[in-house]
Amino acid sequence: MEQQTEQSIVNFIWGICNLLRGPYKRNEYRKVILPLTVLKRFDAVLASTKEQVDKISR
C-alpha cells in the first residue's frame, strides 16, 4: 500500500473517531472504548448461549 493511501485511510478513521468521541477529551477516549470493546467481544462469544441464559433468568 502506498504511504499516501495508508495515511489517508488512517486520517479517515481518526476523523470518524473524533466525530464519535463526543464530549470526551482525547485522553478519556480509551476509558470508554476499551470497556465497550470488551463488552462487544463478550456479546459475540456468548451469543450461542443467549437463549439458555434467557430461560434461566425468567
Protein backbone atom coordinates (compact mmCIF):
# COMPACT_ATOMS: atom_id res chain seq x y z
CA MET A 1 0.00 0.00 0.00
CA GLU A 2 1.33 3.41 -0.85
CA GLN A 3 2.20 5.57 2.13
CA GLN A 4 -0.12 8.36 0.94
CA THR A 5 -3.06 5.94 0.63
CA GLU A 6 -2.32 4.42 4.02
CA GLN A 7 -2.13 7.86 5.63
CA SER A 8 -5.44 8.90 4.06
CA ILE A 9 -7.10 5.78 5.49
CA VAL A 10 -5.61 6.49 8.93
CA ASN A 11 -6.82 10.10 8.77
CA PHE A 12 -10.29 8.94 7.71
CA ILE A 13 -10.55 6.50 10.63
CA TRP A 14 -9.34 9.09 13.16
CA GLY A 15 -11.80 11.61 11.71
CA ILE A 16 -14.65 9.20 12.39
CA CYS A 17 -13.32 8.54 15.89
CA ASN A 18 -13.26 12.26 16.58
CA LEU A 19 -16.89 12.55 15.49
CA LEU A 20 -17.98 9.61 17.64
CA ARG A 21 -15.98 10.63 20.66
CA GLY A 22 -18.40 13.39 21.53
CA PRO A 23 -17.70 15.24 24.77
CA TYR A 24 -14.73 13.06 25.77
CA LYS A 25 -11.25 14.50 25.68
CA ARG A 26 -8.55 12.59 23.82
CA ASN A 27 -7.06 11.08 26.98
CA GLU A 28 -10.53 9.98 28.21
CA TYR A 29 -11.45 8.23 24.97
CA ARG A 30 -9.67 4.98 25.86
CA LYS A 31 -11.61 4.77 29.13
CA VAL A 32 -14.80 4.43 27.07
CA ILE A 33 -13.69 2.47 24.02
CA LEU A 34 -11.83 -0.34 25.78
CA PRO A 35 -14.73 -1.37 28.05
CA LEU A 36 -17.18 -1.19 25.14
CA THR A 37 -14.85 -3.32 23.02
CA VAL A 38 -14.64 -5.93 25.78
CA LEU A 39 -18.43 -5.95 26.19
CA LYS A 40 -18.91 -6.39 22.44
CA ARG A 41 -16.47 -9.29 22.45
CA PHE A 42 -18.32 -10.96 25.34
CA ASP A 43 -21.56 -10.49 23.42
CA ALA A 44 -20.09 -12.16 20.33
CA VAL A 45 -18.54 -15.06 22.24
CA LEU A 46 -21.63 -15.75 24.35
CA ALA A 47 -24.21 -15.28 21.58
CA SER A 48 -24.68 -19.03 21.17
CA THR A 49 -25.79 -19.39 24.82
CA LYS A 50 -28.15 -16.40 24.88
CA GLU A 51 -31.35 -18.48 24.74
CA GLN A 52 -30.22 -20.74 27.59
CA VAL A 53 -29.40 -17.72 29.77
CA ASP A 54 -32.75 -16.09 28.96
CA LYS A 55 -34.59 -19.24 30.07
CA ILE A 56 -32.70 -19.35 33.37
CA SER A 57 -33.23 -15.67 34.16
CA ARG A 58 -37.02 -15.82 33.71
